[in-house]
């Protein structure tokens, strides 16, 4: 795999340490054996958690390597970026829960290419800074959003809350409302999609199947229709991976910018930076107090810009918690 040291190609680099390099620090080793890595780049990749030694993530530049060690370096399209989560994006926090407005481009959970810069790791840093010294925060991942999906999401930060929030999601007792910009316009102003979804191994995309998949139900309501696009409010009854993206793609209404599922990469000469999907609203009962709670995430600048460009109106009223079909 060849590329510039300043901009290595995304993918996986794999090495086996020979006797010649035994005893070097991990960062030194990477810089010695590959033109793709300078020492500073190797340090950055180690710091964010993209380097694995013997199958374990290593976060120490000076970790010595030995003959026969297997080293893997995972790089994604954002590996060279420093990604942080601003506390300004936290919508609510108490001793049991934390609700935030996730920016697009941020991975929810640690991946082979990154630990630091994920929502999970950034929340750990925020909670650790404000908590007891030496205390490791307990974060429950009860919800996930795709990297390029923005908007409101909730995490439990106490064990007593995690079980109940998990049960609430599994029991479909949490209202999840999204806004999506799709190509074209649905025939009906409101409706629903019901199918079984499964991931196709050959493409890694989610598709509807006749049997063997997981049941998925998506309800929608048309908010605005423009010349080439429509603003849709979506209510997820289930929460399958890529559910909204797959259902609307199969309906001939792919999301703007969602090239993986057939969405246009540009509209009216404007490049679409990502899939136009935003987690707009989340409603649930507090797992400890029982209080009804609702959180709304404002439209991010990129979504608002695309909406404006295609002729949409920014203010279309409140989202609905229910869509009658």
Protein backbone atom coordinates (compact mmCIF):
# COMPACT_ATOMS: atom_id res chain seq x y z
CA UNK A 1 0.00 0.00 0.00
CA UNK A 2 1.64 3.23 -1.13
CA UNK A 3 0.68 6.80 -0.43
CA UNK A 4 2.02 10.08 0.87
CA UNK A 5 3.32 10.23 4.44
CA UNK A 6 1.18 13.31 4.90
CA UNK A 7 -1.95 11.60 3.63
CA UNK A 8 -1.81 7.78 3.89
CA UNK A 9 -4.51 5.87 2.10
CA UNK A 10 -7.39 4.63 4.29
CA UNK A 11 -7.23 0.93 4.98
CA UNK A 12 -5.27 -1.60 7.03
CA UNK A 13 -1.48 -1.82 7.14
CA UNK A 14 -0.04 -5.07 8.53
CA UNK A 15 3.55 -5.78 9.55
CA UNK A 16 5.53 -8.58 11.18
CA UNK A 17 8.58 -7.41 13.15
CA UNK A 18 11.88 -8.91 11.98
CA UNK A 19 14.98 -9.37 14.12
CA UNK A 20 16.57 -6.25 12.57
CA UNK A 21 13.97 -3.99 14.21
CA UNK A 22 13.46 -5.82 17.48
CA UNK A 23 13.73 -3.50 20.47
CA UNK A 24 12.60 -0.33 18.69
CA UNK A 25 9.77 1.72 20.08
CA UNK A 26 6.47 1.10 18.30
CA UNK A 27 6.38 4.58 16.78
CA UNK A 28 9.99 4.34 15.65
CA UNK A 29 9.30 0.97 14.07
CA UNK A 30 6.43 2.27 11.95
CA UNK A 31 8.52 5.20 10.71
CA UNK A 32 11.41 2.85 9.85
CA UNK A 33 9.52 0.17 7.91
CA UNK A 34 7.10 2.31 5.89
CA UNK A 35 7.47 5.51 3.90
CA UNK A 36 3.80 6.15 4.66
CA UNK A 37 4.51 7.03 8.29
CA UNK A 38 6.61 9.82 9.73
CA UNK A 39 7.31 9.66 13.46
CA UNK A 40 4.82 12.44 14.14
CA UNK A 41 2.12 10.66 12.12
CA UNK A 42 2.86 7.37 13.87
CA UNK A 43 2.51 9.12 17.23
CA UNK A 44 -0.83 10.63 16.18
CA UNK A 45 -2.19 7.26 15.03
CA UNK A 46 -1.04 5.61 18.27
CA UNK A 47 -2.57 8.42 20.34
CA UNK A 48 -6.02 8.06 18.74
CA UNK A 49 -5.94 4.27 19.05
CA UNK A 50 -5.44 3.18 15.45
CA UNK A 51 -2.41 0.94 16.11
CA UNK A 52 -2.75 -2.64 17.37
CA UNK A 53 0.00 -4.97 18.59
CA UNK A 54 -0.82 -8.65 18.82
CA UNK A 55 -4.51 -7.85 18.44
CA UNK A 56 -4.52 -5.30 21.29
CA UNK A 57 -4.89 -1.55 20.88
CA UNK A 58 -1.66 0.15 22.01
CA UNK A 59 -1.67 3.80 23.07
CA UNK A 60 2.03 4.07 24.00
CA UNK A 61 4.55 5.37 21.44
CA UNK A 62 7.48 3.93 23.39
CA UNK A 63 6.04 0.40 23.54
CA UNK A 64 8.96 -1.88 22.52
CA UNK A 65 8.45 -4.36 19.70
CA UNK A 66 9.98 -7.82 19.43
CA UNK A 67 10.77 -10.27 16.66
CA UNK A 68 7.59 -11.92 15.39
CA UNK A 69 5.20 -9.27 16.75
CA UNK A 70 2.17 -8.69 14.53
CA UNK A 71 1.32 -5.01 14.09
CA UNK A 72 -1.80 -3.60 12.45
CA UNK A 73 -2.44 0.05 11.63
CA UNK A 74 -6.02 1.01 10.77
CA UNK A 75 -6.66 4.30 8.99
CA UNK A 76 -10.01 5.78 8.00
CA UNK A 77 -10.86 8.94 6.09
CA UNK A 78 -10.73 10.99 9.29
CA UNK A 79 -7.67 9.51 10.96
CA UNK A 80 -5.60 12.64 10.39
CA UNK A 81 -8.19 14.89 11.98
CA UNK A 82 -8.33 15.79 15.66
CA UNK A 83 -11.95 15.29 16.70
CA UNK A 84 -13.31 16.55 20.01
CA UNK A 85 -16.75 16.89 21.56
CA UNK A 86 -17.49 20.34 22.91
CA UNK A 87 -19.38 20.56 26.19
CA UNK A 88 -21.63 23.08 24.44
CA UNK A 89 -23.16 20.11 22.61
CA UNK A 90 -24.42 18.57 25.85
CA UNK A 91 -28.17 19.18 26.00
CA UNK A 92 -28.80 17.65 29.44
CA UNK A 93 -26.91 15.92 32.20
CA UNK A 94 -27.69 14.50 35.62
CA UNK A 95 -26.19 11.68 37.69
CA UNK A 96 -27.92 9.03 35.54
CA UNK A 97 -28.06 10.34 31.97
CA UNK A 98 -26.29 12.54 29.50
CA UNK A 99 -28.01 13.80 26.33
CA UNK A 100 -25.99 15.40 23.56
CA UNK A 101 -26.23 16.83 20.06
CA UNK A 102 -23.82 14.65 18.10
CA UNK A 103 -22.01 16.40 15.25
CA UNK A 104 -21.83 14.70 11.87
CA UNK A 105 -18.50 13.03 11.13
CA UNK A 106 -18.05 11.63 14.63
CA UNK A 107 -18.09 7.88 15.26
CA UNK A 108 -20.27 6.84 18.19
CA UNK A 109 -18.23 3.92 19.50
CA UNK A 110 -14.55 2.93 19.28
CA UNK A 111 -13.49 1.35 15.98
CA UNK A 112 -10.23 -0.35 14.93
CA UNK A 113 -9.00 2.94 13.44
CA UNK A 114 -9.90 5.17 16.36
CA UNK A 115 -10.59 5.27 20.09
CA UNK A 116 -9.96 8.93 20.88
CA UNK A 117 -12.32 11.23 19.01
CA UNK A 118 -15.28 8.87 19.29
CA UNK A 119 -18.36 10.01 21.18
CA UNK A 120 -17.77 7.29 23.76
CA UNK A 121 -14.18 8.31 24.46
CA UNK A 122 -14.97 12.03 24.50
CA UNK A 123 -17.76 11.47 27.03
CA UNK A 124 -15.31 9.54 29.19
CA UNK A 125 -12.94 12.51 29.09
CA UNK A 126 -15.70 15.00 29.96
CA UNK A 127 -17.04 12.90 32.83
CA UNK A 128 -13.56 12.10 34.13
CA UNK A 129 -12.59 15.78 34.20
CA UNK A 130 -15.66 16.68 36.25
CA UNK A 131 -15.75 13.59 38.47
CA UNK A 132 -13.72 12.04 41.24
CA UNK A 133 -9.99 11.78 40.64
CA UNK A 134 -9.08 8.32 39.41
CA UNK A 135 -12.73 7.36 38.91
CA UNK A 136 -13.52 5.62 35.63
CA UNK A 137 -16.94 6.74 34.36
CA UNK A 138 -19.56 4.09 33.64
CA UNK A 139 -21.06 4.85 30.23
CA UNK A 140 -23.87 2.75 28.81
CA UNK A 141 -24.32 2.83 25.04
CA UNK A 142 -28.07 2.42 24.68
CA UNK A 143 -28.25 4.15 21.28
CA UNK A 144 -26.03 4.54 18.22
CA UNK A 145 -25.98 6.94 15.30
CA UNK A 146 -24.03 6.49 12.07
CA UNK A 147 -20.86 8.56 11.77
CA UNK A 148 -22.39 10.99 9.27
CA UNK A 149 -25.77 11.28 11.03
CA UNK A 150 -26.09 14.28 13.34
CA UNK A 151 -28.41 15.03 16.21
CA UNK A 152 -29.75 14.11 19.62
CA UNK A 153 -28.72 10.91 21.38
CA UNK A 154 -28.69 9.67 24.97
CA UNK A 155 -26.21 7.70 27.10
CA UNK A 156 -26.68 6.27 30.56
CA UNK A 157 -23.86 7.16 32.96
CA UNK A 158 -24.94 5.07 35.95
CA UNK A 159 -25.52 1.33 36.10
CA UNK A 160 -28.98 1.75 37.62
CA UNK A 161 -30.04 3.78 34.59
CA UNK A 162 -28.40 1.62 31.95
CA UNK A 163 -30.60 -1.44 32.42
CA UNK A 164 -33.85 0.55 32.32
CA UNK A 165 -32.79 2.62 29.31
CA UNK A 166 -31.77 -0.53 27.45
CA UNK A 167 -35.15 -2.07 28.24
CA UNK A 168 -36.91 1.11 27.09
CA UNK A 169 -35.17 1.01 23.70
CA UNK A 170 -35.76 -2.71 23.29
CA UNK A 171 -39.39 -2.31 24.35
CA UNK A 172 -39.88 0.56 21.88
CA UNK A 173 -40.85 2.94 24.65
CA UNK A 174 -38.67 5.75 23.31
CA UNK A 175 -39.89 8.07 20.56
CA UNK A 176 -37.20 8.73 17.95
CA UNK A 177 -37.87 11.41 15.34
CA UNK A 178 -35.49 12.19 12.48
CA UNK A 179 -35.45 14.75 9.70
CA UNK A 180 -34.22 13.63 6.29
CA UNK A 181 -33.67 15.40 2.98
CA UNK A 182 -34.47 12.92 0.21
CA UNK A 183 -34.21 13.02 -3.55
CA UNK A 184 -37.63 13.34 -5.14
CA UNK A 185 -40.99 13.34 -3.39
CA UNK A 186 -43.15 10.54 -1.93
CA UNK A 187 -46.50 9.86 -3.58
CA UNK A 188 -48.28 10.08 -0.22
CA UNK A 189 -47.84 12.80 2.37
CA UNK A 190 -47.52 10.18 5.09
CA UNK A 191 -46.97 6.46 5.19
CA UNK A 192 -44.84 3.63 6.48
CA UNK A 193 -42.32 1.02 5.38
CA UNK A 194 -42.33 -2.46 6.91
CA UNK A 195 -39.84 -5.14 5.95
CA UNK A 196 -37.16 -7.50 7.21
CA UNK A 197 -33.69 -5.99 6.95
CA UNK A 198 -30.37 -7.79 6.65
CA UNK A 199 -26.83 -6.77 5.73
CA UNK A 200 -25.61 -8.03 2.36
CA UNK A 201 -22.09 -9.38 2.78
CA UNK A 202 -20.98 -8.60 -0.76
CA UNK A 203 -21.68 -4.87 -0.44
CA UNK A 204 -21.97 -4.39 3.35
CA UNK A 205 -25.25 -2.55 2.68
CA UNK A 206 -28.56 -3.19 4.44
CA UNK A 207 -31.42 -4.43 2.24
CA UNK A 208 -34.92 -5.83 2.63
CA UNK A 209 -35.12 -9.62 2.44
CA UNK A 210 -37.99 -12.09 2.19
CA UNK A 211 -36.92 -13.97 5.29
CA UNK A 212 -34.06 -14.25 7.75
CA UNK A 213 -33.79 -10.54 8.51
CA UNK A 214 -34.83 -8.36 11.43
CA UNK A 215 -38.26 -6.73 11.36
CA UNK A 216 -38.12 -2.99 10.68
CA UNK A 217 -40.87 -0.37 10.69
CA UNK A 218 -40.41 3.23 9.57
CA UNK A 219 -43.16 5.87 9.58
CA UNK A 220 -42.88 9.17 7.79
CA UNK A 221 -44.59 12.49 7.13
CA UNK A 222 -43.84 14.95 4.35
CA UNK A 223 -42.87 18.35 5.76
CA UNK A 224 -41.83 20.21 2.60
CA UNK A 225 -41.49 19.40 -1.07
CA UNK A 226 -39.13 21.28 -3.38
CA UNK A 227 -38.17 20.90 -7.05
CA UNK A 228 -35.58 18.16 -6.57
CA UNK A 229 -35.90 17.18 -2.93
CA UNK A 230 -38.26 16.76 0.00
CA UNK A 231 -37.90 17.30 3.72
CA UNK A 232 -39.30 14.26 5.52
CA UNK A 233 -40.03 13.71 9.19
CA UNK A 234 -39.32 10.10 10.11
CA UNK A 235 -40.40 8.17 13.17
CA UNK A 236 -38.44 5.00 13.89
CA UNK A 237 -40.61 2.31 15.44
CA UNK A 238 -37.69 -0.11 15.38
CA UNK A 239 -34.04 0.90 15.35
CA UNK A 240 -32.17 -1.29 12.89
CA UNK A 241 -28.80 -0.36 11.44
CA UNK A 242 -29.19 1.89 8.36
CA UNK A 243 -32.96 1.46 8.59
CA UNK A 244 -33.95 4.91 7.32
CA UNK A 245 -31.31 4.93 4.62
CA UNK A 246 -32.30 1.48 3.32
CA UNK A 247 -36.07 2.00 3.41
CA UNK A 248 -36.03 5.34 1.60
CA UNK A 249 -33.50 4.11 -0.95
CA UNK A 250 -35.69 1.12 -1.77
CA UNK A 251 -38.67 3.47 -2.12
CA UNK A 252 -36.81 5.44 -4.79
CA UNK A 253 -36.20 8.31 -2.37
CA UNK A 254 -32.51 8.05 -1.40
CA UNK A 255 -31.14 10.60 1.04
CA UNK A 256 -29.23 13.51 -0.46
CA UNK A 257 -25.52 12.82 -0.11
CA UNK A 258 -25.99 9.14 0.76
CA UNK A 259 -24.00 7.81 -2.19
CA UNK A 260 -23.73 4.33 -0.66
CA UNK A 261 -27.49 3.94 -1.00
CA UNK A 262 -27.87 5.72 -4.34
CA UNK A 263 -28.28 9.28 -3.11
CA UNK A 264 -27.02 12.13 -5.33
CA UNK A 265 -23.64 13.60 -4.29
CA UNK A 266 -24.74 17.06 -5.41
CA UNK A 267 -27.88 19.02 -6.21
CA UNK A 268 -28.17 22.30 -8.11
CA UNK A 269 -24.35 22.34 -8.44
CA UNK A 270 -23.93 22.10 -4.64
CA UNK A 271 -21.80 19.29 -3.23
CA UNK A 272 -23.62 17.45 -0.44
CA UNK A 273 -21.10 16.87 2.39
CA UNK A 274 -22.79 13.80 3.89
CA UNK A 275 -26.08 11.93 4.07
CA UNK A 276 -28.75 14.48 5.00
CA UNK A 277 -30.09 12.72 8.10
CA UNK A 278 -30.55 14.40 11.48
CA UNK A 279 -31.79 12.91 14.75
CA UNK A 280 -34.22 15.71 15.51
CA UNK A 281 -36.04 14.67 18.67
CA UNK A 282 -35.88 12.08 21.44
CA UNK A 283 -38.66 11.51 24.00
CA UNK A 284 -38.62 9.08 26.93
CA UNK A 285 -39.33 8.64 30.63
CA UNK A 286 -36.39 9.17 32.96
CA UNK A 287 -35.22 5.69 34.05
CA UNK A 288 -34.99 6.66 37.74
CA UNK A 289 -37.44 9.51 38.38
CA UNK A 290 -40.05 8.51 35.79
CA UNK A 291 -40.29 12.11 34.57
CA UNK A 292 -41.27 12.56 30.92
CA UNK A 293 -38.42 14.14 28.96
CA UNK A 294 -38.09 15.46 25.42
CA UNK A 295 -34.98 16.83 23.72
CA UNK A 296 -34.68 18.54 20.34
CA UNK A 297 -31.46 19.12 18.42
CA UNK A 298 -31.34 22.19 16.13
CA UNK A 299 -30.48 21.65 12.49
CA UNK A 300 -26.71 21.82 11.96
CA UNK A 301 -25.27 24.36 9.53
CA UNK A 302 -24.57 21.89 6.74
CA UNK A 303 -28.12 20.51 6.81
CA UNK A 304 -29.64 24.01 6.93
CA UNK A 305 -27.42 25.13 4.06
CA UNK A 306 -28.49 22.26 1.81
CA UNK A 307 -32.15 22.76 2.78
CA UNK A 308 -31.91 26.44 1.87
CA UNK A 309 -30.10 25.66 -1.39
CA UNK A 310 -32.87 23.35 -2.62
CA UNK A 311 -35.53 25.93 -1.78
CA UNK A 312 -36.67 24.72 1.61
CA UNK A 313 -38.01 26.82 4.46
CA UNK A 314 -35.97 26.70 7.67
CA UNK A 315 -38.86 26.89 10.12
CA UNK A 316 -41.55 24.30 9.51
CA UNK A 317 -43.07 24.01 12.98
CA UNK A 318 -42.68 21.45 15.70
CA UNK A 319 -41.94 17.80 15.03
CA UNK A 320 -44.69 15.32 15.66
CA UNK A 321 -44.24 12.61 18.25
CA UNK A 322 -46.69 10.42 16.36
CA UNK A 323 -47.38 10.04 12.66
CA UNK A 324 -50.84 8.69 11.85
CA UNK A 325 -50.87 6.11 9.08
